[in-house]
Amino acid sequence: MREQALWPEHAGFMNALAAEGFVVLGGPLGDGEGEEVLLVIHADSEAALRARLAADPWTEAGLLQVARVEPWTILLDGRLS
């Protein structure tokens, strides 16, 4: 994963989004060998989500594309307060 083109730029971009709370959770699906990643994002709209991710260096280089956006209603939250 870290061997991919533009990794430092992409990682810095995503870390900044996580630090501000836009990306809540994220990581590769399965064993990490595939190309699919799941991101849980806190955004006001799909348009806002797509606009923010469009600035990712991987998106600009054609290495990342949003395949699907689904709203999520959280009914259970077991995190400790």
N, C-alpha and C. Protein backbone atom coordinates (compact mmCIF):
# COMPACT_ATOMS: atom_id res chain seq x y z
N MET A 1 0.83 -1.19 0.00
CA MET A 1 0.00 0.00 0.00
C MET A 1 0.88 1.26 0.00
N ARG A 2 1.86 1.28 0.86
CA ARG A 2 2.71 2.46 0.98
C ARG A 2 3.69 2.61 -0.18
N GLU A 3 3.72 1.62 -1.05
CA GLU A 3 4.62 1.66 -2.22
C GLU A 3 3.95 2.35 -3.42
N GLN A 4 2.67 2.66 -3.30
CA GLN A 4 1.94 3.22 -4.43
C GLN A 4 2.40 4.65 -4.73
N ALA A 5 2.22 5.03 -5.99
CA ALA A 5 2.57 6.39 -6.42
C ALA A 5 1.82 7.41 -5.58
N LEU A 6 2.48 8.50 -5.26
CA LEU A 6 1.89 9.62 -4.53
C LEU A 6 1.40 9.25 -3.12
N TRP A 7 1.93 8.16 -2.56
CA TRP A 7 1.48 7.73 -1.22
C TRP A 7 1.65 8.83 -0.17
N PRO A 8 2.82 9.47 -0.05
CA PRO A 8 2.95 10.49 1.00
C PRO A 8 1.94 11.63 0.86
N GLU A 9 1.69 12.05 -0.36
CA GLU A 9 0.73 13.13 -0.60
C GLU A 9 -0.69 12.70 -0.25
N HIS A 10 -1.06 11.49 -0.67
CA HIS A 10 -2.40 10.97 -0.37
C HIS A 10 -2.57 10.77 1.12
N ALA A 11 -1.59 10.16 1.78
CA ALA A 11 -1.68 9.90 3.22
C ALA A 11 -1.79 11.22 3.99
N GLY A 12 -1.03 12.21 3.62
CA GLY A 12 -1.12 13.51 4.27
C GLY A 12 -2.48 14.15 4.11
N PHE A 13 -3.03 14.04 2.90
CA PHE A 13 -4.36 14.58 2.61
C PHE A 13 -5.42 13.88 3.47
N MET A 14 -5.38 12.54 3.48
CA MET A 14 -6.37 11.78 4.24
C MET A 14 -6.22 11.99 5.74
N ASN A 15 -4.99 12.07 6.23
CA ASN A 15 -4.77 12.33 7.65
C ASN A 15 -5.33 13.68 8.06
N ALA A 16 -5.22 14.68 7.19
CA ALA A 16 -5.77 16.00 7.48
C ALA A 16 -7.30 15.93 7.53
N LEU A 17 -7.92 15.18 6.62
CA LEU A 17 -9.38 15.03 6.64
C LEU A 17 -9.84 14.32 7.90
N ALA A 18 -9.06 13.33 8.35
CA ALA A 18 -9.39 12.62 9.59
C ALA A 18 -9.23 13.54 10.80
N ALA A 19 -8.18 14.34 10.81
CA ALA A 19 -7.93 15.24 11.93
C ALA A 19 -9.06 16.26 12.11
N GLU A 20 -9.66 16.66 11.01
CA GLU A 20 -10.77 17.63 11.12
C GLU A 20 -12.12 16.96 11.30
N GLY A 21 -12.17 15.62 11.31
CA GLY A 21 -13.41 14.91 11.55
C GLY A 21 -14.23 14.63 10.30
N PHE A 22 -13.73 14.98 9.14
CA PHE A 22 -14.44 14.69 7.89
C PHE A 22 -14.41 13.19 7.61
N VAL A 23 -13.24 12.58 7.69
CA VAL A 23 -13.12 11.13 7.61
C VAL A 23 -13.18 10.59 9.03
N VAL A 24 -14.17 9.76 9.30
CA VAL A 24 -14.37 9.20 10.64
C VAL A 24 -13.60 7.89 10.77
N LEU A 25 -13.70 7.04 9.77
CA LEU A 25 -13.02 5.74 9.72
C LEU A 25 -12.61 5.49 8.28
N GLY A 26 -11.54 4.74 8.08
CA GLY A 26 -11.16 4.41 6.72
C GLY A 26 -10.09 3.35 6.69
N GLY A 27 -10.12 2.55 5.63
CA GLY A 27 -9.10 1.54 5.44
C GLY A 27 -9.50 0.55 4.36
N PRO A 28 -8.53 -0.28 3.95
CA PRO A 28 -8.79 -1.26 2.89
C PRO A 28 -9.72 -2.35 3.38
N LEU A 29 -10.51 -2.87 2.47
CA LEU A 29 -11.41 -3.98 2.78
C LEU A 29 -10.67 -5.32 2.62
N GLY A 30 -11.13 -6.31 3.33
CA GLY A 30 -10.55 -7.65 3.23
C GLY A 30 -9.13 -7.68 3.75
N ASP A 31 -8.27 -8.39 3.06
CA ASP A 31 -6.88 -8.56 3.51
C ASP A 31 -5.99 -7.39 3.11
N GLY A 32 -6.56 -6.38 2.46
CA GLY A 32 -5.79 -5.22 2.08
C GLY A 32 -5.06 -5.36 0.76
N GLU A 33 -5.16 -6.52 0.15
CA GLU A 33 -4.47 -6.77 -1.12
C GLU A 33 -5.26 -6.25 -2.31
N GLY A 34 -6.56 -6.05 -2.13
CA GLY A 34 -7.39 -5.58 -3.24
C GLY A 34 -7.34 -4.07 -3.36
N GLU A 35 -8.20 -3.55 -4.19
CA GLU A 35 -8.22 -2.11 -4.45
C GLU A 35 -9.36 -1.40 -3.74
N GLU A 36 -10.20 -2.14 -3.01
CA GLU A 36 -11.36 -1.52 -2.39
C GLU A 36 -11.04 -1.01 -0.99
N VAL A 37 -11.55 0.19 -0.74
CA VAL A 37 -11.37 0.85 0.55
C VAL A 37 -12.74 1.33 1.00
N LEU A 38 -12.98 1.27 2.29
CA LEU A 38 -14.22 1.80 2.85
C LEU A 38 -13.88 3.04 3.66
N LEU A 39 -14.61 4.12 3.39
CA LEU A 39 -14.47 5.35 4.16
C LEU A 39 -15.81 5.67 4.80
N VAL A 40 -15.81 5.98 6.06
CA VAL A 40 -16.98 6.52 6.75
C VAL A 40 -16.69 8.00 6.90
N ILE A 41 -17.55 8.79 6.28
CA ILE A 41 -17.31 10.23 6.18
C ILE A 41 -18.49 10.99 6.77
N HIS A 42 -18.17 12.07 7.45
CA HIS A 42 -19.19 12.96 7.99
C HIS A 42 -19.27 14.17 7.06
N ALA A 43 -20.32 14.22 6.25
CA ALA A 43 -20.49 15.31 5.28
C ALA A 43 -21.95 15.71 5.21
N ASP A 44 -22.19 16.94 4.83
CA ASP A 44 -23.56 17.45 4.73
C ASP A 44 -24.30 16.91 3.52
N SER A 45 -23.55 16.51 2.49
CA SER A 45 -24.20 16.03 1.27
C SER A 45 -23.21 15.19 0.47
N GLU A 46 -23.75 14.45 -0.49
CA GLU A 46 -22.88 13.69 -1.39
C GLU A 46 -22.02 14.64 -2.22
N ALA A 47 -22.59 15.76 -2.61
CA ALA A 47 -21.82 16.74 -3.40
C ALA A 47 -20.63 17.27 -2.59
N ALA A 48 -20.83 17.53 -1.30
CA ALA A 48 -19.74 18.00 -0.45
C ALA A 48 -18.67 16.93 -0.31
N LEU A 49 -19.09 15.69 -0.15
CA LEU A 49 -18.16 14.57 -0.06
C LEU A 49 -17.32 14.47 -1.32
N ARG A 50 -17.97 14.46 -2.45
CA ARG A 50 -17.25 14.33 -3.72
C ARG A 50 -16.31 15.52 -3.97
N ALA A 51 -16.74 16.71 -3.60
CA ALA A 51 -15.90 17.89 -3.79
C ALA A 51 -14.63 17.79 -2.96
N ARG A 52 -14.76 17.36 -1.72
CA ARG A 52 -13.57 17.25 -0.85
C ARG A 52 -12.63 16.18 -1.36
N LEU A 53 -13.15 15.02 -1.74
CA LEU A 53 -12.29 13.93 -2.20
C LEU A 53 -11.69 14.21 -3.57
N ALA A 54 -12.28 15.12 -4.33
CA ALA A 54 -11.73 15.48 -5.64
C ALA A 54 -10.36 16.15 -5.50
N ALA A 55 -10.09 16.73 -4.33
CA ALA A 55 -8.80 17.39 -4.10
C ALA A 55 -7.70 16.43 -3.66
N ASP A 56 -8.03 15.16 -3.47
CA ASP A 56 -7.04 14.15 -3.08
C ASP A 56 -6.05 13.98 -4.25
N PRO A 57 -4.75 13.99 -3.97
CA PRO A 57 -3.78 13.78 -5.05
C PRO A 57 -4.02 12.49 -5.83
N TRP A 58 -4.52 11.46 -5.17
CA TRP A 58 -4.83 10.22 -5.89
C TRP A 58 -6.00 10.41 -6.84
N THR A 59 -7.00 11.18 -6.45
CA THR A 59 -8.13 11.44 -7.35
C THR A 59 -7.65 12.22 -8.56
N GLU A 60 -6.87 13.26 -8.31
CA GLU A 60 -6.35 14.09 -9.40
C GLU A 60 -5.49 13.28 -10.37
N ALA A 61 -4.80 12.25 -9.87
CA ALA A 61 -3.94 11.42 -10.71
C ALA A 61 -4.67 10.23 -11.32
N GLY A 62 -5.96 10.09 -11.03
CA GLY A 62 -6.74 8.98 -11.57
C GLY A 62 -6.53 7.67 -10.83
N LEU A 63 -5.94 7.71 -9.65
CA LEU A 63 -5.68 6.50 -8.88
C LEU A 63 -6.82 6.15 -7.92
N LEU A 64 -7.72 7.09 -7.69
CA LEU A 64 -8.81 6.89 -6.75
C LEU A 64 -10.09 7.41 -7.36
N GLN A 65 -11.14 6.62 -7.23
CA GLN A 65 -12.45 7.10 -7.64
C GLN A 65 -13.49 6.62 -6.64
N VAL A 66 -14.49 7.43 -6.43
CA VAL A 66 -15.59 7.06 -5.54
C VAL A 66 -16.50 6.13 -6.31
N ALA A 67 -16.62 4.89 -5.84
CA ALA A 67 -17.44 3.90 -6.53
C ALA A 67 -18.90 3.99 -6.11
N ARG A 68 -19.11 4.34 -4.85
CA ARG A 68 -20.48 4.31 -4.33
C ARG A 68 -20.56 5.18 -3.08
N VAL A 69 -21.67 5.88 -2.93
CA VAL A 69 -21.94 6.66 -1.73
C VAL A 69 -23.28 6.21 -1.19
N GLU A 70 -23.29 5.85 0.08
CA GLU A 70 -24.52 5.41 0.73
C GLU A 70 -24.71 6.17 2.04
N PRO A 71 -25.91 6.69 2.28
CA PRO A 71 -26.16 7.29 3.59
C PRO A 71 -26.22 6.18 4.64
N TRP A 72 -25.95 6.54 5.88
CA TRP A 72 -25.92 5.55 6.95
C TRP A 72 -26.61 6.13 8.18
N THR A 73 -27.63 5.46 8.63
CA THR A 73 -28.31 5.83 9.87
C THR A 73 -27.76 4.94 10.96
N ILE A 74 -27.09 5.52 11.92
CA ILE A 74 -26.49 4.75 13.01
C ILE A 74 -27.54 4.54 14.09
N LEU A 75 -27.82 3.28 14.36
CA LEU A 75 -28.79 2.95 15.41
C LEU A 75 -28.12 2.43 16.68
N LEU A 76 -26.91 1.94 16.55
CA LEU A 76 -26.18 1.42 17.70
C LEU A 76 -24.82 2.09 17.74
N ASP A 77 -24.40 2.48 18.93
CA ASP A 77 -23.10 3.09 19.11
C ASP A 77 -22.57 2.63 20.45
N GLY A 78 -21.65 1.68 20.42
CA GLY A 78 -21.11 1.10 21.65
C GLY A 78 -19.85 1.78 22.16
N ARG A 79 -19.48 2.91 21.57
CA ARG A 79 -18.28 3.61 22.05
C ARG A 79 -18.51 4.11 23.47
N LEU A 80 -17.45 4.09 24.24
CA LEU A 80 -17.52 4.61 25.60
C LEU A 80 -17.47 6.13 25.56
N SER A 81 -18.23 6.75 26.39
CA SER A 81 -18.25 8.22 26.45
C SER A 81 -17.13 8.76 27.30
